[in-house]
Amino acid sequence: MFKRIWAIALIAMFGAAVAPAHAQTTIEVPANAGWKHGETGLILRSRITGIPRGMIVDNSASELDVMAQYESPDGQTYITVYIFRPALASVPVWFDRSETALLHRDIYGNIKPASDAPTAFAPPRGTVASGLRRIYAPGKGFRSTGLAMMPLGKWLVAVRVSSNAVGTDGLDAKLSEVIAGIGWPEGVAEGPAAAPIAPCAQPLAYAKRARMRKPDMADGLMGSTMMMIDDPKLGMPADPKVYCRDLPPQPAYGVYRAPDATNSYVMAVGDAGIAVRILPEFDEKHGSMVIAGFLDHASVYPPFEALPHPDDVMQALRTTAPLAQVSADGKNVTLNMQAK
């Protein structure tokens, strides 16, 4: 997970109207004290497995994307802990995105997974195997690296451990120690069982030249109303329990959908929780709605005339202002009367 890098890239990719910039701020905490995340109750202790905590930073304005770093005094082991609230609540999807980012980082050289597939496991205080983890062998920089992703209610917790002290055979035990060393809150509903993302059996049939329609406030009202209704039959459709990956993974985004879906998909952009949903319209226009979800709000865009290729969606979002924005809690709606 490399959220600060992606935050900068997304502003350039989408434009400030889509991804408002938040300055990265340091959370000041005494070196010998733990820090408690206000929304979830998770505690980042002053030490994990004896390794002291360094800085804690917030990549949002309200603790929606927090990162803490730990480094051993001898410089042999590095730990990074992330807690964030994604627009799409799916451990498999965001593990897949985090792994893709990891595998493409130059700092690790020609990094390779040390196992055939990620492993599902139960996080602390849990009994359901709702998390995913995997160990990797870097080509340079470290002897071993591990990644784990776990649900915490509507939030996700990601842990990355990189070490020169132990190889791939010993890092999995170290990763377990690190995860257990975090202060996990009690009474949080467990997430669903997790399974690694697999490629879809057949790719979607994207339109060759799908174009966005001209802005229409009725589309903005329809999209924002969908997000404010809890009933999936009337509002936003429920996320599928199982996703498959529709296109080969790449650093910029991944494309995911239900295995039987033919007219909808979701783009997980970067690895920081931003998701763009492509959904069929409810009327007889047979177009595709576009709703971009961020950590603190969602934006509704003009629909496409047909099912667009993800590249066409990204290009359109670079140049098109949203019709409406809805806060993450669904209570506040802002219509953009100047959208064009």
C-alpha atoms as a PDB file:
ATOM      1  CA  MET A   1       0.000   0.000   0.000  1.00  0.00           C
ATOM      2  CA  PHE A   2       1.521   3.270  -1.058  1.00  0.00           C
ATOM      3  CA  LYS A   3      -1.254   5.734  -0.500  1.00  0.00           C
ATOM      4  CA  ARG A   4       0.582   9.039  -0.540  1.00  0.00           C
ATOM      5  CA  ILE A   5       2.047   8.266  -3.958  1.00  0.00           C
ATOM      6  CA  TRP A   6      -1.426   7.370  -5.243  1.00  0.00           C
ATOM      7  CA  ALA A   7      -3.031  10.437  -3.695  1.00  0.00           C
ATOM      8  CA  ILE A   8      -0.744  12.644  -5.791  1.00  0.00           C
ATOM      9  CA  ALA A   9      -1.268  10.520  -8.892  1.00  0.00           C
ATOM     10  CA  LEU A  10      -5.057  10.552  -8.524  1.00  0.00           C
ATOM     11  CA  ILE A  11      -5.223  14.332  -8.354  1.00  0.00           C
ATOM     12  CA  ALA A  12      -3.336  14.439 -11.637  1.00  0.00           C
ATOM     13  CA  MET A  13      -5.465  11.626 -13.053  1.00  0.00           C
ATOM     14  CA  PHE A  14      -8.917  12.859 -12.045  1.00  0.00           C
ATOM     15  CA  GLY A  15      -8.423  16.553 -11.418  1.00  0.00           C
ATOM     16  CA  ALA A  16      -9.061  18.494  -8.222  1.00  0.00           C
ATOM     17  CA  ALA A  17     -12.845  18.516  -8.797  1.00  0.00           C
ATOM     18  CA  VAL A  18     -12.864  14.736  -8.440  1.00  0.00           C
ATOM     19  CA  ALA A  19     -10.185  14.051  -5.852  1.00  0.00           C
ATOM     20  CA  PRO A  20      -9.774  17.023  -3.530  1.00  0.00           C
ATOM     21  CA  ALA A  21      -6.254  17.310  -2.181  1.00  0.00           C
ATOM     22  CA  HIS A  22      -5.691  16.823   1.516  1.00  0.00           C
ATOM     23  CA  ALA A  23      -2.323  17.757   2.947  1.00  0.00           C
ATOM     24  CA  GLN A  24      -0.593  14.874   4.666  1.00  0.00           C
ATOM     25  CA  THR A  25      -0.521  15.741   8.343  1.00  0.00           C
ATOM     26  CA  THR A  26       1.533  14.233  11.152  1.00  0.00           C
ATOM     27  CA  ILE A  27      -0.368  12.990  14.185  1.00  0.00           C
ATOM     28  CA  GLU A  28       1.672  14.000  17.203  1.00  0.00           C
ATOM     29  CA  VAL A  29       1.852  11.242  19.824  1.00  0.00           C
ATOM     30  CA  PRO A  30       4.406  10.791  22.643  1.00  0.00           C
ATOM     31  CA  ALA A  31       6.897   8.084  21.753  1.00  0.00           C
ATOM     32  CA  ASN A  32       5.945   5.959  24.770  1.00  0.00           C
ATOM     33  CA  ALA A  33       2.157   6.247  24.298  1.00  0.00           C
ATOM     34  CA  GLY A  34      -0.305   4.380  22.123  1.00  0.00           C
ATOM     35  CA  TRP A  35      -2.597   6.160  19.684  1.00  0.00           C
ATOM     36  CA  LYS A  36      -6.291   5.240  19.368  1.00  0.00           C
ATOM     37  CA  HIS A  37      -8.153   5.605  16.098  1.00  0.00           C
ATOM     38  CA  GLY A  38     -11.314   7.522  16.946  1.00  0.00           C
ATOM     39  CA  GLU A  39     -13.758   5.798  14.601  1.00  0.00           C
ATOM     40  CA  THR A  40     -12.744   2.166  15.085  1.00  0.00           C
ATOM     41  CA  GLY A  41     -10.997   2.047  18.452  1.00  0.00           C
ATOM     42  CA  LEU A  42      -7.922   0.355  16.967  1.00  0.00           C
ATOM     43  CA  ILE A  43      -4.759   1.202  18.922  1.00  0.00           C
ATOM     44  CA  LEU A  44      -1.335   1.718  17.373  1.00  0.00           C
ATOM     45  CA  ARG A  45       0.941   0.891  20.274  1.00  0.00           C
ATOM     46  CA  SER A  46       4.271   2.597  20.918  1.00  0.00           C
ATOM     47  CA  ARG A  47       6.013  -0.696  20.118  1.00  0.00           C
ATOM     48  CA  ILE A  48       5.061  -3.774  18.146  1.00  0.00           C
ATOM     49  CA  THR A  49       7.139  -6.916  18.784  1.00  0.00           C
ATOM     50  CA  GLY A  50       9.630  -4.625  20.523  1.00  0.00           C
ATOM     51  CA  ILE A  51      10.047  -2.407  17.454  1.00  0.00           C
ATOM     52  CA  PRO A  52       9.445   1.298  18.188  1.00  0.00           C
ATOM     53  CA  ARG A  53       6.844   3.323  16.358  1.00  0.00           C
ATOM     54  CA  GLY A  54       7.965   6.226  14.243  1.00  0.00           C
ATOM     55  CA  MET A  55       5.620   8.721  12.643  1.00  0.00           C
ATOM     56  CA  ILE A  56       1.844   8.455  12.295  1.00  0.00           C
ATOM     57  CA  VAL A  57       0.383  10.390   9.363  1.00  0.00           C
ATOM     58  CA  ASP A  58      -3.140  11.131   8.156  1.00  0.00           C
ATOM     59  CA  ASN A  59      -3.603  11.333   4.389  1.00  0.00           C
ATOM     60  CA  SER A  60      -7.128  12.682   4.822  1.00  0.00           C
ATOM     61  CA  ALA A  61      -8.650  15.496   6.839  1.00  0.00           C
ATOM     62  CA  SER A  62     -10.409  13.268   9.394  1.00  0.00           C
ATOM     63  CA  GLU A  63      -8.502  10.016  10.023  1.00  0.00           C
ATOM     64  CA  LEU A  64     -10.001   8.246   7.005  1.00  0.00           C
ATOM     65  CA  ASP A  65      -6.572   7.124   5.784  1.00  0.00           C
ATOM     66  CA  VAL A  66      -3.958   6.711   8.513  1.00  0.00           C
ATOM     67  CA  MET A  67      -0.481   5.207   8.236  1.00  0.00           C
ATOM     68  CA  ALA A  68       1.988   4.327  11.001  1.00  0.00           C
ATOM     69  CA  GLN A  69       5.578   3.250  10.532  1.00  0.00           C
ATOM     70  CA  TYR A  70       7.773   1.139  12.810  1.00  0.00           C
ATOM     71  CA  GLU A  71      11.520   0.554  12.376  1.00  0.00           C
ATOM     72  CA  SER A  72      13.883  -1.641  14.366  1.00  0.00           C
ATOM     73  CA  PRO A  73      16.919   0.191  15.828  1.00  0.00           C
ATOM     74  CA  ASP A  74      19.278  -1.896  13.694  1.00  0.00           C
ATOM     75  CA  GLY A  75      17.360  -1.028  10.511  1.00  0.00           C
ATOM     76  CA  GLN A  76      16.701  -4.686   9.719  1.00  0.00           C
ATOM     77  CA  THR A  77      12.905  -4.721  10.012  1.00  0.00           C
ATOM     78  CA  TYR A  78      10.287  -2.233   8.845  1.00  0.00           C
ATOM     79  CA  ILE A  79       6.568  -2.359   9.660  1.00  0.00           C
ATOM     80  CA  THR A  80       3.835  -0.237   8.113  1.00  0.00           C
ATOM     81  CA  VAL A  81       0.244  -0.301   9.359  1.00  0.00           C
ATOM     82  CA  TYR A  82      -2.613   1.320   7.420  1.00  0.00           C
ATOM     83  CA  ILE A  83      -6.208   1.878   8.449  1.00  0.00           C
ATOM     84  CA  PHE A  84      -8.628   3.312   5.918  1.00  0.00           C
ATOM     85  CA  ARG A  85     -12.310   3.343   4.997  1.00  0.00           C
ATOM     86  CA  PRO A  86     -12.648   2.204   1.377  1.00  0.00           C
ATOM     87  CA  ALA A  87     -15.451   3.132  -0.987  1.00  0.00           C
ATOM     88  CA  LEU A  88     -15.733  -0.598  -1.758  1.00  0.00           C
ATOM     89  CA  ALA A  89     -15.686  -2.902   1.275  1.00  0.00           C
ATOM     90  CA  SER A  90     -13.827  -5.941  -0.046  1.00  0.00           C
ATOM     91  CA  VAL A  91     -10.702  -7.508   1.435  1.00  0.00           C
ATOM     92  CA  PRO A  92     -10.019  -9.605  -1.713  1.00  0.00           C
ATOM     93  CA  VAL A  93     -10.217  -6.594  -4.035  1.00  0.00           C
ATOM     94  CA  TRP A  94      -7.952  -4.337  -1.974  1.00  0.00           C
ATOM     95  CA  PHE A  95      -5.503  -7.130  -1.214  1.00  0.00           C
ATOM     96  CA  ASP A  96      -5.289  -7.684  -4.965  1.00  0.00           C
ATOM     97  CA  ARG A  97      -4.683  -3.974  -5.518  1.00  0.00           C
ATOM     98  CA  SER A  98      -2.068  -3.774  -2.732  1.00  0.00           C
ATOM     99  CA  GLU A  99      -0.283  -6.846  -4.051  1.00  0.00           C
ATOM    100  CA  THR A 100      -0.245  -5.371  -7.551  1.00  0.00           C
ATOM    101  CA  ALA A 101       1.330  -2.177  -6.197  1.00  0.00           C
ATOM    102  CA  LEU A 102       3.889  -4.231  -4.267  1.00  0.00           C
ATOM    103  CA  LEU A 103       4.851  -6.336  -7.274  1.00  0.00           C
ATOM    104  CA  HIS A 104       5.424  -3.226  -9.399  1.00  0.00           C
ATOM    105  CA  ARG A 105       7.613  -1.313  -6.928  1.00  0.00           C
ATOM    106  CA  ASP A 106      11.191  -0.807  -8.108  1.00  0.00           C
ATOM    107  CA  ILE A 107      12.455  -0.723  -4.522  1.00  0.00           C
ATOM    108  CA  TYR A 108      11.836  -4.486  -4.263  1.00  0.00           C
ATOM    109  CA  GLY A 109      13.380  -5.396  -7.598  1.00  0.00           C
ATOM    110  CA  ASN A 110      12.032  -8.495  -9.292  1.00  0.00           C
ATOM    111  CA  ILE A 111       9.880  -9.472  -6.310  1.00  0.00           C
ATOM    112  CA  LYS A 112       8.166 -12.869  -6.395  1.00  0.00           C
ATOM    113  CA  PRO A 113       5.416 -14.456  -4.244  1.00  0.00           C
ATOM    114  CA  ALA A 114       6.772 -17.206  -2.010  1.00  0.00           C
ATOM    115  CA  SER A 115       3.542 -19.245  -2.256  1.00  0.00           C
ATOM    116  CA  ASP A 116       1.126 -20.277  -4.975  1.00  0.00           C
ATOM    117  CA  ALA A 117      -1.708 -18.098  -3.637  1.00  0.00           C
ATOM    118  CA  PRO A 118      -2.595 -15.746  -0.767  1.00  0.00           C
ATOM    119  CA  THR A 119      -3.793 -17.439   2.425  1.00  0.00           C
ATOM    120  CA  ALA A 120      -7.068 -16.645   4.191  1.00  0.00           C
ATOM    121  CA  PHE A 121      -6.887 -16.274   7.979  1.00  0.00           C
ATOM    122  CA  ALA A 122      -8.930 -15.065  10.944  1.00  0.00           C
ATOM    123  CA  PRO A 123      -7.796 -11.696  12.356  1.00  0.00           C
ATOM    124  CA  PRO A 124      -7.341 -11.265  16.119  1.00  0.00           C
ATOM    125  CA  ARG A 125     -10.653 -11.495  18.057  1.00  0.00           C
ATOM    126  CA  GLY A 126     -12.201 -13.183  15.004  1.00  0.00           C
ATOM    127  CA  THR A 127     -13.237 -16.702  14.085  1.00  0.00           C
ATOM    128  CA  VAL A 128     -13.974 -16.176  10.370  1.00  0.00           C
ATOM    129  CA  ALA A 129     -11.095 -16.339   7.865  1.00  0.00           C
ATOM    130  CA  SER A 130     -11.895 -12.838   6.622  1.00  0.00           C
ATOM    131  CA  GLY A 131      -8.324 -11.656   6.039  1.00  0.00           C
ATOM    132  CA  LEU A 132      -5.747 -12.429   3.344  1.00  0.00           C
ATOM    133  CA  ARG A 133      -1.952 -12.586   3.615  1.00  0.00           C
ATOM    134  CA  ARG A 134       1.089 -13.564   1.558  1.00  0.00           C
ATOM    135  CA  ILE A 135       4.889 -13.613   1.793  1.00  0.00           C
ATOM    136  CA  TYR A 136       7.203 -12.440  -1.000  1.00  0.00           C
ATOM    137  CA  ALA A 137      10.875 -12.750  -1.930  1.00  0.00           C
ATOM    138  CA  PRO A 138      12.225  -9.359  -3.095  1.00  0.00           C
ATOM    139  CA  GLY A 139      14.915  -9.191  -5.737  1.00  0.00           C
ATOM    140  CA  LYS A 140      16.690  -6.441  -3.817  1.00  0.00           C
ATOM    141  CA  GLY A 141      16.436  -4.290  -0.716  1.00  0.00           C
ATOM    142  CA  PHE A 142      15.138  -6.969   1.689  1.00  0.00           C
ATOM    143  CA  ARG A 143      15.323 -10.712   2.206  1.00  0.00           C
ATOM    144  CA  SER A 144      11.563 -10.973   2.686  1.00  0.00           C
ATOM    145  CA  THR A 145       8.347  -8.953   2.617  1.00  0.00           C
ATOM    146  CA  GLY A 146       4.847  -9.812   3.826  1.00  0.00           C
ATOM    147  CA  LEU A 147       1.432  -8.260   3.244  1.00  0.00           C
ATOM    148  CA  ALA A 148      -1.833  -8.787   5.141  1.00  0.00           C
ATOM    149  CA  MET A 149      -5.293  -7.220   4.725  1.00  0.00           C
ATOM    150  CA  MET A 150      -8.063  -7.498   7.336  1.00  0.00           C
ATOM    151  CA  PRO A 151     -11.568  -6.060   7.774  1.00  0.00           C
ATOM    152  CA  LEU A 152     -12.550  -3.957  10.771  1.00  0.00           C
ATOM    153  CA  GLY A 153     -16.252  -3.237  10.374  1.00  0.00           C
ATOM    154  CA  LYS A 154     -16.507  -0.879   7.374  1.00  0.00           C
ATOM    155  CA  TRP A 155     -12.776  -0.220   7.580  1.00  0.00           C
ATOM    156  CA  LEU A 156      -9.737  -2.132   6.393  1.00  0.00           C
ATOM    157  CA  VAL A 157      -6.417  -2.652   8.132  1.00  0.00           C
ATOM    158  CA  ALA A 158      -3.342  -3.451   6.052  1.00  0.00           C
ATOM    159  CA  VAL A 159       0.033  -4.522   7.405  1.00  0.00           C
ATOM    160  CA  ARG A 160       3.302  -4.726   5.515  1.00  0.00           C
ATOM    161  CA  VAL A 161       6.493  -6.138   7.059  1.00  0.00           C
ATOM    162  CA  SER A 162       9.862  -6.053   5.285  1.00  0.00           C
ATOM    163  CA  SER A 163      12.947  -7.644   6.812  1.00  0.00           C
ATOM    164  CA  ASN A 164      16.612  -8.378   6.348  1.00  0.00           C
ATOM    165  CA  ALA A 165      16.670 -10.293   9.638  1.00  0.00           C
ATOM    166  CA  VAL A 166      14.691 -13.299   8.388  1.00  0.00           C
ATOM    167  CA  GLY A 167      13.992 -14.881   5.015  1.00  0.00           C
ATOM    168  CA  THR A 168      10.667 -15.905   3.523  1.00  0.00           C
ATOM    169  CA  ASP A 169      10.553 -19.053   5.697  1.00  0.00           C
ATOM    170  CA  GLY A 170      10.554 -17.004   8.892  1.00  0.00           C
ATOM    171  CA  LEU A 171       8.594 -13.925   7.924  1.00  0.00           C
ATOM    172  CA  ASP A 172       5.116 -15.441   8.145  1.00  0.00           C
ATOM    173  CA  ALA A 173       5.571 -16.011  11.890  1.00  0.00           C
ATOM    174  CA  LYS A 174       6.858 -12.448  12.225  1.00  0.00           C
ATOM    175  CA  LEU A 175       3.832 -11.136  10.342  1.00  0.00           C
ATOM    176  CA  SER A 176       1.549 -12.994  12.778  1.00  0.00           C
ATOM    177  CA  GLU A 177       3.375 -11.428  15.735  1.00  0.00           C
ATOM    178  CA  VAL A 178       3.013  -7.972  14.236  1.00  0.00           C
ATOM    179  CA  ILE A 179      -0.714  -8.404  13.597  1.00  0.00           C
ATOM    180  CA  ALA A 180      -1.235  -9.667  17.159  1.00  0.00           C
ATOM    181  CA  GLY A 181       0.739  -6.686  18.480  1.00  0.00           C
ATOM    182  CA  ILE A 182      -1.827  -4.173  17.228  1.00  0.00           C
ATOM    183  CA  GLY A 183      -4.503  -3.151  19.731  1.00  0.00           C
ATOM    184  CA  TRP A 184      -7.661  -4.646  18.237  1.00  0.00           C
ATOM    185  CA  PRO A 185     -11.037  -3.394  19.536  1.00  0.00           C
ATOM    186  CA  GLU A 186     -13.702  -5.724  20.871  1.00  0.00           C
ATOM    187  CA  GLY A 187     -17.266  -6.116  19.662  1.00  0.00           C
ATOM    188  CA  VAL A 188     -16.693  -5.417  15.958  1.00  0.00           C
ATOM    189  CA  ALA A 189     -18.848  -7.419  13.534  1.00  0.00           C
ATOM    190  CA  GLU A 190     -16.808  -9.964  11.602  1.00  0.00           C
ATOM    191  CA  GLY A 191     -16.313  -9.655   7.881  1.00  0.00           C
ATOM    192  CA  PRO A 192     -17.207 -12.355   5.353  1.00  0.00           C
ATOM    193  CA  ALA A 193     -14.850 -15.192   4.553  1.00  0.00           C
ATOM    194  CA  ALA A 194     -12.189 -14.041   2.098  1.00  0.00           C
ATOM    195  CA  ALA A 195     -10.817 -15.807  -0.965  1.00  0.00           C
ATOM    196  CA  PRO A 196      -8.130 -14.607  -3.382  1.00  0.00           C
ATOM    197  CA  ILE A 197      -9.311 -12.871  -6.539  1.00  0.00           C
ATOM    198  CA  ALA A 198      -9.331 -15.071  -9.648  1.00  0.00           C
ATOM    199  CA  PRO A 199      -9.577 -14.007 -13.311  1.00  0.00           C
ATOM    200  CA  CYS A 200     -13.088 -13.974 -14.772  1.00  0.00           C
ATOM    201  CA  ALA A 201     -13.883 -16.917 -17.026  1.00  0.00           C
ATOM    202  CA  GLN A 202     -14.902 -14.609 -19.891  1.00  0.00           C
ATOM    203  CA  PRO A 203     -14.140 -10.898 -20.346  1.00  0.00           C
ATOM    204  CA  LEU A 204     -16.920  -8.341 -20.539  1.00  0.00           C
ATOM    205  CA  ALA A 205     -18.091  -7.144 -23.953  1.00  0.00           C
ATOM    206  CA  TYR A 206     -17.154  -3.473 -23.776  1.00  0.00           C
ATOM    207  CA  ALA A 207     -18.521  -1.060 -26.348  1.00  0.00           C
ATOM    208  CA  LYS A 208     -15.923   0.017 -28.883  1.00  0.00           C
ATOM    209  CA  ARG A 209     -16.905   3.685 -28.778  1.00  0.00           C
ATOM    210  CA  ALA A 210     -18.924   4.428 -25.685  1.00  0.00           C
ATOM    211  CA  ARG A 211     -19.388   8.133 -25.060  1.00  0.00           C
ATOM    212  CA  MET A 212     -20.713  10.080 -22.116  1.00  0.00           C
ATOM    213  CA  ARG A 213     -24.046  11.780 -22.691  1.00  0.00           C
ATOM    214  CA  LYS A 214     -24.414  15.510 -22.214  1.00  0.00           C
ATOM    215  CA  PRO A 215     -24.770  16.521 -18.533  1.00  0.00           C
ATOM    216  CA  ASP A 216     -28.324  16.289 -17.232  1.00  0.00           C
ATOM    217  CA  MET A 217     -29.306  17.193 -13.684  1.00  0.00           C
ATOM    218  CA  ALA A 218     -31.906  14.409 -13.754  1.00  0.00           C
ATOM    219  CA  ASP A 219     -29.029  11.915 -14.012  1.00  0.00           C
ATOM    220  CA  GLY A 220     -27.325  13.560 -11.063  1.00  0.00           C
ATOM    221  CA  LEU A 221     -30.494  13.394  -8.995  1.00  0.00           C
ATOM    222  CA  MET A 222     -31.072   9.756  -9.919  1.00  0.00           C
ATOM    223  CA  GLY A 223     -27.531   8.721  -9.004  1.00  0.00           C
ATOM    224  CA  SER A 224     -27.466  10.624  -5.730  1.00  0.00           C
ATOM    225  CA  THR A 225     -30.892   9.268  -4.761  1.00  0.00           C
ATOM    226  CA  MET A 226     -29.698   5.699  -5.359  1.00  0.00           C
ATOM    227  CA  MET A 227     -26.823   6.191  -2.928  1.00  0.00           C
ATOM    228  CA  MET A 228     -29.107   7.576  -0.218  1.00  0.00           C
ATOM    229  CA  ILE A 229     -31.516   4.606  -0.200  1.00  0.00           C
ATOM    230  CA  ASP A 230     -30.518   1.691   2.030  1.00  0.00           C
ATOM    231  CA  ASP A 231     -32.753  -0.862   0.280  1.00  0.00           C
ATOM    232  CA  PRO A 232     -30.632  -2.491  -2.481  1.00  0.00           C
ATOM    233  CA  LYS A 233     -33.796  -3.164  -4.503  1.00  0.00           C
ATOM    234  CA  LEU A 234     -34.379   0.572  -4.807  1.00  0.00           C
ATOM    235  CA  GLY A 235     -30.966   2.096  -4.220  1.00  0.00           C
ATOM    236  CA  MET A 236     -27.405   1.014  -4.937  1.00  0.00           C
ATOM    237  CA  PRO A 237     -27.217  -2.726  -5.659  1.00  0.00           C
ATOM    238  CA  ALA A 238     -25.464  -4.779  -2.987  1.00  0.00           C
ATOM    239  CA  ASP A 239     -21.822  -5.623  -3.648  1.00  0.00           C
ATOM    240  CA  PRO A 240     -21.340  -9.237  -4.750  1.00  0.00           C
ATOM    241  CA  LYS A 241     -19.911 -11.619  -2.164  1.00  0.00           C
ATOM    242  CA  VAL A 242     -17.429 -12.929  -4.728  1.00  0.00           C
ATOM    243  CA  TYR A 243     -15.521 -10.879  -7.289  1.00  0.00           C
ATOM    244  CA  CYS A 244     -13.468 -11.930 -10.268  1.00  0.00           C
ATOM    245  CA  ARG A 245     -10.865  -9.800 -12.067  1.00  0.00           C
ATOM    246  CA  ASP A 246     -11.971  -8.845 -15.570  1.00  0.00           C
ATOM    247  CA  LEU A 247      -8.687  -7.475 -16.972  1.00  0.00           C
ATOM    248  CA  PRO A 248      -5.041  -8.227 -16.165  1.00  0.00           C
ATOM    249  CA  PRO A 249      -3.881  -6.292 -13.082  1.00  0.00           C
ATOM    250  CA  GLN A 250      -1.990  -3.044 -13.579  1.00  0.00           C
ATOM    251  CA  PRO A 251      -0.801  -0.343 -11.153  1.00  0.00           C
ATOM    252  CA  ALA A 252      -3.323   2.326 -12.205  1.00  0.00           C
ATOM    253  CA  TYR A 253      -6.503   0.330 -11.624  1.00  0.00           C
ATOM    254  CA  GLY A 254      -8.085  -3.108 -11.460  1.00  0.00           C
ATOM    255  CA  VAL A 255     -11.446  -4.141 -12.908  1.00  0.00           C
ATOM    256  CA  TYR A 256     -13.682  -6.417 -10.821  1.00  0.00           C
ATOM    257  CA  ARG A 257     -17.219  -7.774 -11.081  1.00  0.00           C
ATOM    258  CA  ALA A 258     -19.527 -10.550 -10.053  1.00  0.00           C
ATOM    259  CA  PRO A 259     -18.690 -13.670 -12.106  1.00  0.00           C
ATOM    260  CA  ASP A 260     -22.110 -13.623 -13.811  1.00  0.00           C
ATOM    261  CA  ALA A 261     -22.289  -9.850 -14.418  1.00  0.00           C
ATOM    262  CA  THR A 262     -22.577  -8.747 -18.031  1.00  0.00           C
ATOM    263  CA  ASN A 263     -23.410  -5.024 -17.746  1.00  0.00           C
ATOM    264  CA  SER A 264     -21.614  -3.766 -14.636  1.00  0.00           C
ATOM    265  CA  TYR A 265     -18.209  -3.663 -13.005  1.00  0.00           C
ATOM    266  CA  VAL A 266     -16.151  -1.702 -10.507  1.00  0.00           C
ATOM    267  CA  MET A 267     -12.761  -0.101 -11.014  1.00  0.00           C
ATOM    268  CA  ALA A 268     -10.537  -0.096  -7.927  1.00  0.00           C
ATOM    269  CA  VAL A 269      -8.229   2.839  -8.602  1.00  0.00           C
ATOM    270  CA  GLY A 270      -4.744   2.653  -7.152  1.00  0.00           C
ATOM    271  CA  ASP A 271      -4.684   0.857  -3.804  1.00  0.00           C
ATOM    272  CA  ALA A 272      -6.083   3.527  -1.485  1.00  0.00           C
ATOM    273  CA  GLY A 273      -9.811   2.723  -1.379  1.00  0.00           C
ATOM    274  CA  ILE A 274     -11.130   4.735  -4.355  1.00  0.00           C
ATOM    275  CA  ALA A 275     -13.647   2.811  -6.475  1.00  0.00           C
ATOM    276  CA  VAL A 276     -15.565   3.746  -9.644  1.00  0.00           C
ATOM    277  CA  ARG A 277     -18.803   1.829 -10.205  1.00  0.00           C
ATOM    278  CA  ILE A 278     -20.223   1.266 -13.674  1.00  0.00           C
ATOM    279  CA  LEU A 279     -23.922   0.336 -13.354  1.00  0.00           C
ATOM    280  CA  PRO A 280     -26.822  -0.112 -15.788  1.00  0.00           C
ATOM    281  CA  GLU A 281     -29.373   2.693 -15.888  1.00  0.00           C
ATOM    282  CA  PHE A 282     -32.835   2.008 -14.507  1.00  0.00           C
ATOM    283  CA  ASP A 283     -34.694   3.470 -17.473  1.00  0.00           C
ATOM    284  CA  GLU A 284     -34.868   2.216 -21.056  1.00  0.00           C
ATOM    285  CA  LYS A 285     -31.876   4.187 -22.314  1.00  0.00           C
ATOM    286  CA  HIS A 286     -29.648   1.125 -21.817  1.00  0.00           C
ATOM    287  CA  GLY A 287     -26.721   3.270 -20.783  1.00  0.00           C
ATOM    288  CA  SER A 288     -24.209   2.912 -17.959  1.00  0.00           C
ATOM    289  CA  MET A 289     -24.162   5.071 -14.834  1.00  0.00           C
ATOM    290  CA  VAL A 290     -20.818   6.189 -13.406  1.00  0.00           C
ATOM    291  CA  ILE A 291     -20.376   6.726  -9.660  1.00  0.00           C
ATOM    292  CA  ALA A 292     -16.908   7.393  -8.237  1.00  0.00           C
ATOM    293  CA  GLY A 293     -16.548   6.593  -4.544  1.00  0.00           C
ATOM    294  CA  PHE A 294     -13.891   8.244  -2.401  1.00  0.00           C
ATOM    295  CA  LEU A 295     -13.151   7.879   1.297  1.00  0.00           C
ATOM    296  CA  ASP A 296     -15.452  10.729   2.360  1.00  0.00           C
ATOM    297  CA  HIS A 297     -17.910  11.154  -0.536  1.00  0.00           C
ATOM    298  CA  ALA A 298     -19.146   9.806  -3.860  1.00  0.00           C
ATOM    299  CA  SER A 299     -19.484  11.688  -7.155  1.00  0.00           C
ATOM    300  CA  VAL A 300     -22.112  11.051  -9.836  1.00  0.00           C
ATOM    301  CA  TYR A 301     -21.138  11.555 -13.490  1.00  0.00           C
ATOM    302  CA  PRO A 302     -23.083  11.707 -16.752  1.00  0.00           C
ATOM    303  CA  PRO A 303     -23.906   8.193 -17.981  1.00  0.00           C
ATOM    304  CA  PHE A 304     -22.301   6.521 -20.968  1.00  0.00           C
ATOM    305  CA  GLU A 305     -24.438   5.530 -23.942  1.00  0.00           C
ATOM    306  CA  ALA A 306     -23.211   1.913 -23.642  1.00  0.00           C
ATOM    307  CA  LEU A 307     -20.933  -0.196 -21.438  1.00  0.00           C
ATOM    308  CA  PRO A 308     -17.608   1.697 -21.565  1.00  0.00           C
ATOM    309  CA  HIS A 309     -14.118   0.253 -21.486  1.00  0.00           C
ATOM    310  CA  PRO A 310     -12.327   1.250 -18.258  1.00  0.00           C
ATOM    311  CA  ASP A 311      -9.817   3.324 -20.229  1.00  0.00           C
ATOM    312  CA  ASP A 312     -12.717   5.355 -21.636  1.00  0.00           C
ATOM    313  CA  VAL A 313     -14.051   5.864 -18.114  1.00  0.00           C
ATOM    314  CA  MET A 314     -10.698   7.130 -16.878  1.00  0.00           C
ATOM    315  CA  GLN A 315     -10.360   9.487 -19.819  1.00  0.00           C
ATOM    316  CA  ALA A 316     -13.860  10.870 -19.300  1.00  0.00           C
ATOM    317  CA  LEU A 317     -13.318  11.434 -15.584  1.00  0.00           C
ATOM    318  CA  ARG A 318     -10.206  13.484 -16.327  1.00  0.00           C
ATOM    319  CA  THR A 319     -12.224  15.994 -18.306  1.00  0.00           C
ATOM    320  CA  THR A 320     -15.763  15.842 -16.931  1.00  0.00           C
ATOM    321  CA  ALA A 321     -17.097  17.549 -13.814  1.00  0.00           C
ATOM    322  CA  PRO A 322     -19.402  15.499 -11.552  1.00  0.00           C
ATOM    323  CA  LEU A 323     -23.139  16.169 -11.651  1.00  0.00           C
ATOM    324  CA  ALA A 324     -23.531  15.633  -7.915  1.00  0.00           C
ATOM    325  CA  GLN A 325     -21.650  14.704  -4.773  1.00  0.00           C
ATOM    326  CA  VAL A 326     -23.003  12.689  -1.850  1.00  0.00           C
ATOM    327  CA  SER A 327     -21.330  12.484   1.562  1.00  0.00           C
ATOM    328  CA  ALA A 328     -20.217   9.068   2.795  1.00  0.00           C
ATOM    329  CA  ASP A 329     -23.088   8.936   5.287  1.00  0.00           C
ATOM    330  CA  GLY A 330     -25.627   9.783   2.569  1.00  0.00           C
ATOM    331  CA  LYS A 331     -26.964  12.805   4.443  1.00  0.00           C
ATOM    332  CA  ASN A 332     -25.578  15.611   2.302  1.00  0.00           C
ATOM    333  CA  VAL A 333     -26.033  16.073  -1.446  1.00  0.00           C
ATOM    334  CA  THR A 334     -24.478  18.807  -3.575  1.00  0.00           C
ATOM    335  CA  LEU A 335     -25.630  19.319  -7.153  1.00  0.00           C
ATOM    336  CA  ASN A 336     -23.240  20.880  -9.650  1.00  0.00           C
ATOM    337  CA  MET A 337     -25.398  23.189 -11.723  1.00  0.00           C
ATOM    338  CA  GLN A 338     -22.358  24.199 -13.794  1.00  0.00           C
ATOM    339  CA  ALA A 339     -21.419  20.649 -14.844  1.00  0.00           C
ATOM    340  CA  LYS A 340     -20.559  20.364 -18.499  1.00  0.00           C
END
